[in-house]
């Protein structure tokens, strides 16, 4: 009984073990079926037009009966029905969607679709200069105008070699820009820009010619001059060196110019205006050249203007003249006078020269300005007049005479001297006149009545007078006053 029972237990245990393993295997099989999926990979996903991509099946391998590949737009071959791997050549540009369908026995198809999985790009990168100068001349330490290249085709970037120190290249948004300020020694620098990307790359070449600044050297040593207007300056010369090819000048006075010949820049001419002129000479050429400055001080001629308006006058002896004034202008610093007599002086004060005083004699004077430039002069005359004189030159009693009616008077004559220039008379009756001629005043005629007269001299100074009386007598009369016959 014990042996039989033991056998029954052993069979039962074996049966359970077998059932467990069968169940476990069914579970694994079920999970495998549930986990199975379609999948694939590509050795590259960005492909140059005309290049190949290798696709490899990555599906879960279990009860797969067949494959159906679709490699998308531009693919050659466009599809396949075997497991692979498959090498496909793509043409054109743009995205391609790739799909794989696997056929499973009794369980239906599984599909993997990868949208825009392959990106087709042009077979070659392109590079095109769009801005700036690829044969650039630039001054050292001067920022360049940016040189810009458009990167196209399959290009995804760019690099540059050969740039001078201070310049760099940078790729941004499909553009490669060379910029900066060259600090390298003057020379010609050949550079090359090379595109980067998955396909064939392209290059662009250029030259950056770094120039040294020009220099300017004063060779005449007279860049600070003082001179009079309308007088030529001493030529000012500069030598232009380095990269300088010329020079310009600003700030010169009218009449003065600058010119370049050979390697010498010369400032020359005759200033026609006065003032202080600060000029600047700037080097020109392939580089921005330095500038130098100088000064030309142009002094004006002195000016002399009569402001009193009485440079021709006459005064009487012992009388002060009316002040004669001159304004000194321009570059005049004073004035002096010649020809003044005793008693008359000339004084300069605050830009005005004044002649004043009491002369004892007539005089001609000259005023001369003082200053560094032209010194104009002015002249004038002051006449000192004398008192007039009047002298009876006819018989001593002729100025007081008695004549008979109807008889002419004895001519009365006066000599007009000194400063006298004429004479007038008052008090003459009808028939009597006064006439001035050649310094003599004559009263003559036949009076009809007695009269008193006054002769007055004419002249600039004292005008003395002379008087006289002419009595006209009547004839005597005799009348018989006794009886008419008594006289006989």
Protein backbone atom coordinates (compact mmCIF):
# COMPACT_ATOMS: atom_id res chain seq x y z
CA UNK A 1 0.00 0.00 0.00
CA UNK A 2 2.75 2.43 0.83
CA UNK A 3 4.58 1.82 -2.43
CA UNK A 4 1.47 2.33 -4.54
CA UNK A 5 0.62 5.54 -2.74
CA UNK A 6 4.08 6.91 -3.28
CA UNK A 7 3.87 6.19 -7.01
CA UNK A 8 0.56 8.04 -7.29
CA UNK A 9 2.03 11.11 -5.53
CA UNK A 10 5.07 11.16 -7.86
CA UNK A 11 2.89 11.07 -10.96
CA UNK A 12 0.75 13.87 -9.66
CA UNK A 13 3.80 16.06 -8.95
CA UNK A 14 5.24 15.49 -12.41
CA UNK A 15 1.93 16.40 -13.99
CA UNK A 16 1.85 19.70 -12.07
CA UNK A 17 5.37 20.52 -13.13
CA UNK A 18 4.55 19.90 -16.75
CA UNK A 19 1.46 22.06 -16.52
CA UNK A 20 3.47 24.87 -14.95
CA UNK A 21 6.02 24.85 -17.71
CA UNK A 22 3.38 24.70 -20.41
CA UNK A 23 1.61 27.67 -18.84
CA UNK A 24 4.84 29.57 -18.52
CA UNK A 25 5.68 28.96 -22.18
CA UNK A 26 2.21 30.04 -23.25
CA UNK A 27 2.67 33.22 -21.20
CA UNK A 28 6.03 33.97 -22.83
CA UNK A 29 4.57 33.34 -26.27
CA UNK A 30 1.63 35.59 -25.54
CA UNK A 31 3.87 38.39 -24.27
CA UNK A 32 6.13 38.02 -27.30
CA UNK A 33 3.20 38.37 -29.60
CA UNK A 34 1.99 41.43 -27.70
CA UNK A 35 5.46 43.09 -27.67
CA UNK A 36 6.21 42.61 -31.36
CA UNK A 37 6.40 45.82 -33.44
CA UNK A 38 7.67 47.11 -36.80
CA UNK A 39 10.76 49.36 -36.68
CA UNK A 40 13.78 50.33 -38.73
CA UNK A 41 16.85 52.56 -38.59
CA UNK A 42 18.95 54.54 -41.14
CA UNK A 43 22.67 55.09 -41.06
CA UNK A 44 22.08 58.81 -41.81
CA UNK A 45 18.93 60.89 -41.91
CA UNK A 46 20.31 63.94 -43.74
CA UNK A 47 21.48 62.96 -47.17
CA UNK A 48 23.09 64.86 -50.00
CA UNK A 49 21.21 64.69 -53.25
CA UNK A 50 22.61 61.73 -55.22
CA UNK A 51 23.96 60.00 -52.11
CA UNK A 52 22.77 56.82 -50.40
CA UNK A 53 21.13 55.83 -47.13
CA UNK A 54 21.21 52.31 -45.71
CA UNK A 55 18.03 51.19 -43.95
CA UNK A 56 18.14 48.29 -41.45
CA UNK A 57 15.12 46.37 -40.14
CA UNK A 58 14.78 46.78 -36.38
CA UNK A 59 11.46 44.96 -35.98
CA UNK A 60 10.95 42.37 -33.26
CA UNK A 61 11.79 39.05 -34.95
CA UNK A 62 8.90 36.63 -34.39
CA UNK A 63 6.70 34.87 -36.93
CA UNK A 64 7.33 37.54 -39.63
CA UNK A 65 6.23 36.29 -42.99
CA UNK A 66 7.04 39.34 -45.18
CA UNK A 67 8.19 42.99 -45.46
CA UNK A 68 6.98 45.98 -47.41
CA UNK A 69 9.25 49.04 -47.49
CA UNK A 70 8.35 52.50 -48.86
CA UNK A 71 11.41 54.79 -48.95
CA UNK A 72 9.54 57.98 -49.85
CA UNK A 73 10.01 60.79 -52.38
CA UNK A 74 13.20 60.81 -54.46
CA UNK A 75 14.21 57.27 -53.41
CA UNK A 76 15.76 54.76 -55.79
CA UNK A 77 14.60 52.08 -55.37
CA UNK A 78 11.38 53.52 -54.03
CA UNK A 79 10.38 50.33 -52.18
CA UNK A 80 11.46 46.80 -51.22
CA UNK A 81 9.87 43.55 -50.00
CA UNK A 82 12.75 41.88 -48.24
CA UNK A 83 14.17 42.28 -44.81
CA UNK A 84 17.26 44.14 -46.02
CA UNK A 85 19.43 46.00 -45.20
CA UNK A 86 18.54 48.18 -48.17
CA UNK A 87 20.78 50.85 -49.72
CA UNK A 88 18.70 53.64 -51.27
CA UNK A 89 19.90 56.56 -53.41
CA UNK A 90 18.05 59.84 -52.97
CA UNK A 91 17.74 62.72 -55.43
CA UNK A 92 16.18 66.12 -55.14
CA UNK A 93 15.75 68.12 -51.94
CA UNK A 94 13.25 68.24 -49.13
CA UNK A 95 11.84 65.71 -46.66
CA UNK A 96 10.96 62.09 -47.36
CA UNK A 97 8.65 59.94 -45.25
CA UNK A 98 9.76 56.29 -44.83
CA UNK A 99 7.48 53.39 -43.79
CA UNK A 100 7.82 49.62 -43.11
CA UNK A 101 4.98 47.09 -42.95
CA UNK A 102 5.66 43.59 -41.53
CA UNK A 103 3.31 40.69 -42.17
CA UNK A 104 2.85 38.24 -39.27
CA UNK A 105 1.40 34.79 -39.56
CA UNK A 106 -2.21 34.71 -38.37
CA UNK A 107 -1.77 37.94 -36.44
CA UNK A 108 -2.11 40.75 -39.02
CA UNK A 109 0.30 43.43 -40.18
CA UNK A 110 2.30 45.89 -38.14
CA UNK A 111 3.41 49.26 -39.66
CA UNK A 112 5.99 51.90 -38.69
CA UNK A 113 5.74 55.29 -40.45
CA UNK A 114 8.44 57.90 -39.84
CA UNK A 115 7.28 61.28 -41.13
CA UNK A 116 9.97 63.41 -42.86
CA UNK A 117 12.53 60.91 -41.64
CA UNK A 118 15.01 61.64 -44.40
CA UNK A 119 16.08 65.21 -45.18
CA UNK A 120 17.44 65.62 -48.68
CA UNK A 121 19.79 68.56 -49.18
CA UNK A 122 21.56 69.87 -52.30
CA UNK A 123 24.64 67.96 -53.29
CA UNK A 124 26.89 70.99 -52.74
CA UNK A 125 27.12 74.02 -50.51
CA UNK A 126 27.19 77.48 -52.14
CA UNK A 127 28.83 80.72 -51.07
CA UNK A 128 28.09 84.15 -52.55
CA UNK A 129 29.46 87.60 -51.68
CA UNK A 130 26.43 89.79 -50.93
CA UNK A 131 27.91 92.84 -49.23
CA UNK A 132 31.25 94.55 -48.82
CA UNK A 133 34.47 94.36 -50.81
CA UNK A 134 36.42 91.11 -51.10
CA UNK A 135 39.41 93.11 -52.35
CA UNK A 136 39.47 95.50 -49.47
CA UNK A 137 41.96 98.23 -48.70
CA UNK A 138 41.78 99.33 -45.11
CA UNK A 139 43.81 101.41 -42.73
CA UNK A 140 45.33 99.72 -39.74
CA UNK A 141 43.32 100.37 -36.57
CA UNK A 142 40.29 101.38 -38.64
CA UNK A 143 37.16 99.22 -38.57
CA UNK A 144 36.36 97.60 -41.90
CA UNK A 145 33.04 97.70 -43.70
CA UNK A 146 31.63 94.21 -43.03
CA UNK A 147 32.18 91.60 -45.74
CA UNK A 148 29.12 89.31 -45.92
CA UNK A 149 28.73 85.98 -47.73
CA UNK A 150 25.42 84.15 -48.18
CA UNK A 151 25.79 80.41 -47.42
CA UNK A 152 23.36 78.28 -49.41
CA UNK A 153 22.87 74.85 -50.84
CA UNK A 154 23.82 72.20 -48.31
CA UNK A 155 26.00 74.61 -46.36
CA UNK A 156 25.27 74.76 -42.66
CA UNK A 157 28.08 77.11 -41.68
CA UNK A 158 31.49 78.40 -42.71
CA UNK A 159 35.01 78.95 -41.46
CA UNK A 160 37.70 81.39 -42.53
CA UNK A 161 41.48 81.33 -42.63
CA UNK A 162 44.08 83.95 -43.44
CA UNK A 163 42.47 87.00 -41.81
CA UNK A 164 44.78 89.65 -40.34
CA UNK A 165 44.86 90.04 -36.59
CA UNK A 166 41.84 91.95 -35.35
CA UNK A 167 39.33 90.52 -37.86
CA UNK A 168 37.05 87.53 -37.32
CA UNK A 169 34.35 85.60 -39.15
CA UNK A 170 30.97 84.59 -37.74
CA UNK A 171 28.12 82.50 -39.16
CA UNK A 172 24.56 83.58 -38.38
CA UNK A 173 21.30 82.87 -40.17
CA UNK A 174 22.77 81.57 -43.43
CA UNK A 175 25.27 84.45 -43.58
CA UNK A 176 28.97 84.50 -42.86
CA UNK A 177 30.26 87.95 -41.82
CA UNK A 178 33.86 89.14 -41.63
CA UNK A 179 34.18 92.16 -39.35
CA UNK A 180 36.49 93.91 -36.93
CA UNK A 181 39.43 96.30 -36.83
CA UNK A 182 42.75 95.12 -38.26
CA UNK A 183 45.67 95.61 -35.91
CA UNK A 184 48.19 93.55 -37.87
CA UNK A 185 51.24 94.98 -39.57
CA UNK A 186 50.60 96.56 -42.98
CA UNK A 187 50.51 93.84 -45.65
CA UNK A 188 48.20 92.04 -48.06
CA UNK A 189 46.31 89.23 -46.37
CA UNK A 190 44.71 86.53 -48.56
CA UNK A 191 41.80 84.84 -46.83
CA UNK A 192 39.62 81.85 -47.69
CA UNK A 193 36.07 81.24 -46.52
CA UNK A 194 35.07 77.53 -46.62
CA UNK A 195 31.54 76.30 -46.15
CA UNK A 196 30.71 73.49 -43.74
CA UNK A 197 27.96 70.93 -44.15
CA UNK A 198 27.19 67.29 -44.97
CA UNK A 199 27.88 67.50 -48.69
CA UNK A 200 30.47 69.01 -50.98
CA UNK A 201 31.70 72.36 -49.65
CA UNK A 202 32.56 75.52 -51.53
CA UNK A 203 35.13 78.27 -50.96
CA UNK A 204 35.45 82.00 -51.57
CA UNK A 205 38.68 83.92 -51.56
CA UNK A 206 39.49 87.55 -50.90
CA UNK A 207 42.25 89.98 -50.03
CA UNK A 208 42.48 92.50 -47.23
CA UNK A 209 45.21 95.03 -47.85
CA UNK A 210 46.11 96.65 -44.52
CA UNK A 211 47.65 100.07 -45.06
CA UNK A 212 49.72 102.16 -42.74
CA UNK A 213 48.43 105.66 -41.89
CA UNK A 214 50.00 108.55 -43.76
CA UNK A 215 52.34 110.93 -41.99
CA UNK A 216 52.88 114.66 -42.30
CA UNK A 217 56.06 116.54 -41.40
CA UNK A 218 56.51 120.31 -41.28
CA UNK A 219 59.57 121.15 -43.35
CA UNK A 220 59.50 124.95 -43.47
CA UNK A 221 59.35 125.54 -39.71
CA UNK A 222 57.02 128.55 -39.91
CA UNK A 223 53.53 127.30 -39.14
CA UNK A 224 52.89 130.26 -36.80
CA UNK A 225 53.19 133.56 -38.66
CA UNK A 226 52.19 137.16 -38.04
CA UNK A 227 52.07 139.54 -40.97
CA UNK A 228 50.24 142.54 -42.33
CA UNK A 229 47.20 142.31 -44.58
CA UNK A 230 47.97 142.40 -48.31
CA UNK A 231 51.50 141.14 -47.66
CA UNK A 232 52.54 137.62 -48.82
CA UNK A 233 53.08 134.95 -46.21
CA UNK A 234 56.31 132.99 -45.98
CA UNK A 235 55.49 129.68 -47.71
CA UNK A 236 54.62 126.88 -45.28
CA UNK A 237 55.57 123.39 -46.53
CA UNK A 238 54.78 119.87 -45.31
CA UNK A 239 56.12 116.54 -46.55
CA UNK A 240 53.50 113.76 -46.90
CA UNK A 241 54.77 110.22 -46.22
CA UNK A 242 53.44 106.76 -45.44
CA UNK A 243 50.28 105.88 -47.34
CA UNK A 244 49.35 109.53 -47.81
CA UNK A 245 48.77 110.54 -51.42
CA UNK A 246 47.84 114.16 -50.87
CA UNK A 247 46.47 116.64 -48.37
CA UNK A 248 43.69 119.16 -47.88
CA UNK A 249 43.63 122.33 -45.82
CA UNK A 250 40.89 124.31 -44.10
CA UNK A 251 40.78 127.58 -42.19
CA UNK A 252 43.06 129.69 -44.39
CA UNK A 253 42.41 133.43 -44.86
CA UNK A 254 41.14 134.70 -48.20
CA UNK A 255 43.99 135.01 -50.65
CA UNK A 256 45.96 132.06 -49.21
CA UNK A 257 45.73 128.54 -50.70
CA UNK A 258 47.25 125.09 -50.33
CA UNK A 259 48.50 122.81 -53.12
CA UNK A 260 50.07 119.35 -53.31
CA UNK A 261 52.91 118.41 -55.69
CA UNK A 262 55.19 115.41 -55.50
CA UNK A 263 55.15 114.64 -51.81
CA UNK A 264 55.05 118.29 -50.68
CA UNK A 265 52.00 120.27 -49.59
CA UNK A 266 52.58 124.04 -49.78
CA UNK A 267 50.55 126.87 -48.26
CA UNK A 268 51.17 130.17 -50.02
CA UNK A 269 49.52 133.46 -50.96
CA UNK A 270 48.71 136.98 -49.83
CA UNK A 271 45.96 137.39 -47.22
CA UNK A 272 43.42 140.05 -48.14
CA UNK A 273 41.61 140.06 -44.80
CA UNK A 274 42.83 140.57 -41.29
CA UNK A 275 42.23 138.30 -38.31
CA UNK A 276 43.58 135.21 -36.59
CA UNK A 277 43.29 132.09 -38.73
CA UNK A 278 43.78 128.61 -37.28
CA UNK A 279 44.27 126.24 -40.20
CA UNK A 280 44.34 122.44 -40.40
CA UNK A 281 46.15 120.27 -42.95
CA UNK A 282 44.81 116.68 -43.28
CA UNK A 283 46.58 113.88 -45.12
CA UNK A 284 44.52 112.10 -47.79
CA UNK A 285 45.07 108.74 -49.43
CA UNK A 286 44.19 105.08 -48.95
CA UNK A 287 44.18 105.60 -45.19
CA UNK A 288 42.78 108.30 -43.02
CA UNK A 289 45.83 110.42 -42.43
CA UNK A 290 46.75 112.56 -39.46
CA UNK A 291 46.13 116.28 -39.24
CA UNK A 292 48.37 119.14 -38.17
CA UNK A 293 47.43 122.69 -37.28
CA UNK A 294 49.02 126.09 -37.56
CA UNK A 295 48.11 129.75 -37.17
CA UNK A 296 48.38 132.79 -39.44
CA UNK A 297 47.81 136.11 -37.71
CA UNK A 298 47.02 138.87 -40.20
CA UNK A 299 47.27 142.42 -38.84
CA UNK A 300 45.17 145.13 -40.41
CA UNK A 301 46.63 148.38 -41.75
CA UNK A 302 46.18 151.37 -39.52
CA UNK A 303 43.31 153.72 -40.42
CA UNK A 304 43.14 157.47 -39.87
CA UNK A 305 39.78 159.26 -40.00
CA UNK A 306 39.13 162.98 -39.46
CA UNK A 307 36.21 163.09 -37.03
CA UNK A 308 36.04 166.80 -36.23
CA UNK A 309 35.75 167.94 -39.84
CA UNK A 310 37.85 171.11 -39.34
CA UNK A 311 41.33 170.33 -40.58
CA UNK A 312 41.28 173.55 -42.62
CA UNK A 313 40.55 176.51 -40.35
CA UNK A 314 41.54 180.07 -39.62
CA UNK A 315 41.81 181.76 -36.25
CA UNK A 316 42.80 185.19 -35.13
CA UNK A 317 46.01 185.80 -33.30
CA UNK A 318 45.75 184.92 -29.63
CA UNK A 319 42.66 182.75 -30.22
CA UNK A 320 42.63 178.96 -29.58
CA UNK A 321 41.92 176.77 -32.57
CA UNK A 322 38.85 174.50 -32.64
CA UNK A 323 40.16 171.06 -31.65
CA UNK A 324 41.04 168.87 -34.61
CA UNK A 325 40.41 165.15 -33.89
CA UNK A 326 41.34 161.98 -35.77
CA UNK A 327 40.20 158.42 -34.95
CA UNK A 328 43.00 155.85 -35.20
CA UNK A 329 41.68 152.41 -36.23
CA UNK A 330 42.70 149.18 -37.84
CA UNK A 331 46.00 148.04 -36.42
CA UNK A 332 47.07 151.58 -35.51
CA UNK A 333 48.49 151.90 -32.02
CA UNK A 334 49.00 155.66 -31.90
CA UNK A 335 49.86 158.73 -33.96
CA UNK A 336 52.38 161.55 -34.16
CA UNK A 337 52.25 164.98 -35.74
CA UNK A 338 54.72 167.32 -37.39
CA UNK A 339 54.53 171.01 -38.33
CA UNK A 340 52.84 172.36 -35.20
CA UNK A 341 53.94 175.83 -34.00
CA UNK A 342 54.59 176.88 -30.43
CA UNK A 343 51.39 176.80 -28.45
CA UNK A 344 49.79 173.91 -30.36
CA UNK A 345 50.14 170.20 -29.40
CA UNK A 346 48.96 166.78 -30.54
CA UNK A 347 47.90 164.09 -28.03
CA UNK A 348 46.86 160.43 -28.55
CA UNK A 349 44.42 158.88 -26.09
CA UNK A 350 42.10 155.86 -26.36
CA UNK A 351 42.24 155.68 -30.13
CA UNK A 352 41.79 159.43 -30.74
CA UNK A 353 44.50 161.93 -31.74
CA UNK A 354 43.65 165.55 -30.85
CA UNK A 355 45.36 168.76 -32.03
CA UNK A 356 44.64 171.78 -29.85
CA UNK A 357 46.16 175.05 -28.58
CA UNK A 358 46.66 178.73 -29.45
CA UNK A 359 48.96 179.30 -32.42
CA UNK A 360 51.12 182.32 -32.91
CA UNK A 361 51.50 181.77 -36.62
CA UNK A 362 49.86 179.94 -39.49
CA UNK A 363 51.01 176.38 -40.07
CA UNK A 364 50.62 173.21 -42.15
CA UNK A 365 50.64 169.93 -40.20
CA UNK A 366 50.86 166.17 -40.94
CA UNK A 367 49.50 163.39 -38.70
CA UNK A 368 51.14 159.96 -39.16
CA UNK A 369 49.72 156.78 -37.57
CA UNK A 370 51.84 154.37 -35.55
CA UNK A 371 51.52 150.57 -36.01
CA UNK A 372 53.13 147.45 -37.48
CA UNK A 373 51.50 147.70 -40.89
CA UNK A 374 50.65 150.47 -43.36
CA UNK A 375 50.66 153.88 -41.65
CA UNK A 376 48.37 156.37 -43.43
CA UNK A 377 48.83 160.14 -42.98
CA UNK A 378 46.54 163.14 -42.93
CA UNK A 379 47.31 166.82 -43.44
CA UNK A 380 45.69 170.11 -42.61
CA UNK A 381 46.24 173.88 -42.50
CA UNK A 382 45.57 176.42 -39.81
CA UNK A 383 45.77 180.06 -40.82
CA UNK A 384 46.31 182.63 -38.08
CA UNK A 385 44.60 185.79 -39.20
CA UNK A 386 45.66 189.38 -38.18
CA UNK A 387 43.49 192.34 -37.23
CA UNK A 388 42.53 194.63 -40.03
CA UNK A 389 44.03 198.17 -40.10
CA UNK A 390 42.65 201.35 -41.60
CA UNK A 391 44.87 204.42 -42.27
CA UNK A 392 43.95 207.77 -43.74
CA UNK A 393 46.24 208.21 -46.71
CA UNK A 394 44.78 211.36 -48.22
CA UNK A 395 45.68 214.83 -46.82
CA UNK A 396 45.41 214.94 -43.05
CA UNK A 397 42.38 217.19 -43.09
CA UNK A 398 40.49 215.55 -45.86
CA UNK A 399 38.53 213.36 -43.48
CA UNK A 400 37.10 216.56 -41.97
CA UNK A 401 36.64 219.10 -44.78
CA UNK A 402 34.34 221.89 -45.73
CA UNK A 403 33.34 222.51 -49.31
CA UNK A 404 30.98 224.79 -51.07
CA UNK A 405 27.70 223.49 -52.33
CA UNK A 406 28.03 222.14 -55.81
CA UNK A 407 31.73 221.56 -55.37
CA UNK A 408 33.25 218.05 -55.28
CA UNK A 409 34.88 217.03 -52.10
CA UNK A 410 38.55 216.30 -51.96
CA UNK A 411 38.77 212.46 -52.28
CA UNK A 412 39.26 210.81 -48.96
CA UNK A 413 41.42 207.62 -49.10
CA UNK A 414 42.10 204.93 -46.53
CA UNK A 415 44.66 202.13 -46.79
CA UNK A 416 43.13 198.80 -45.60
CA UNK A 417 45.88 196.63 -44.12
CA UNK A 418 46.56 193.80 -41.69
CA UNK A 419 43.90 191.16 -42.05
CA UNK A 420 41.53 193.55 -43.75
CA UNK A 421 40.15 192.35 -47.01
CA UNK A 422 37.61 195.07 -47.80
CA UNK A 423 35.73 197.96 -46.27
CA UNK A 424 32.25 199.39 -46.13
CA UNK A 425 30.97 202.88 -45.42
CA UNK A 426 27.84 204.32 -43.91
CA UNK A 427 26.45 207.87 -43.77
CA UNK A 428 27.21 208.96 -47.32
CA UNK A 429 24.66 211.26 -48.93
CA UNK A 430 23.48 211.20 -52.48
CA UNK A 431 26.25 212.02 -54.89
CA UNK A 432 29.00 210.52 -52.76
CA UNK A 433 30.31 206.91 -53.00
CA UNK A 434 32.86 204.65 -51.31
CA UNK A 435 34.89 202.19 -53.41
CA UNK A 436 37.46 199.53 -52.31
CA UNK A 437 40.19 198.66 -54.76
CA UNK A 438 43.59 197.09 -54.27
CA UNK A 439 43.70 197.73 -50.54
CA UNK A 440 42.49 201.30 -50.77
CA UNK A 441 39.05 202.59 -49.86
CA UNK A 442 38.17 205.91 -51.56
CA UNK A 443 35.30 208.28 -50.74
CA UNK A 444 34.53 210.78 -53.50
CA UNK A 445 31.74 212.71 -55.14
CA UNK A 446 29.79 215.98 -54.93
CA UNK A 447 27.61 216.11 -51.85
CA UNK A 448 24.48 218.17 -51.67
CA UNK A 449 24.48 218.24 -47.95
CA UNK A 450 26.83 217.92 -45.05
CA UNK A 451 27.36 214.40 -43.61
CA UNK A 452 29.19 212.26 -41.09
CA UNK A 453 30.56 208.91 -42.34
CA UNK A 454 32.00 205.72 -40.88
CA UNK A 455 34.33 203.37 -42.76
CA UNK A 456 34.41 199.75 -41.37
CA UNK A 457 37.08 197.27 -42.41
CA UNK A 458 36.20 193.72 -43.53
CA UNK A 459 38.34 190.74 -42.30
CA UNK A 460 38.41 187.64 -40.12
CA UNK A 461 39.68 189.34 -37.02
CA UNK A 462 39.36 192.78 -35.42
CA UNK A 463 37.67 195.27 -37.80
CA UNK A 464 38.65 198.84 -36.93
CA UNK A 465 36.65 201.83 -38.21
CA UNK A 466 37.40 205.40 -39.28
CA UNK A 467 35.05 208.38 -39.22
CA UNK A 468 34.92 211.81 -40.74
CA UNK A 469 32.77 214.85 -41.44
CA UNK A 470 32.16 216.77 -44.60
CA UNK A 471 30.55 220.15 -44.27
CA UNK A 472 28.93 221.61 -47.35
CA UNK A 473 28.97 225.43 -47.06
CA UNK A 474 26.43 227.75 -48.77
CA UNK A 475 27.27 230.88 -50.81
CA UNK A 476 27.07 234.23 -48.98
CA UNK A 477 24.07 236.43 -49.69
CA UNK A 478 23.67 240.30 -49.46
CA UNK A 479 20.31 241.95 -49.38
CA UNK A 480 19.52 245.74 -49.42
CA UNK A 481 17.44 246.29 -46.36
CA UNK A 482 17.25 250.13 -46.47
CA UNK A 483 14.97 252.04 -48.79
CA UNK A 484 15.30 250.83 -52.27
CA UNK A 485 16.93 253.97 -53.46
CA UNK A 486 19.29 254.36 -50.67
CA UNK A 487 21.91 252.35 -52.40
CA UNK A 488 21.90 254.97 -55.11
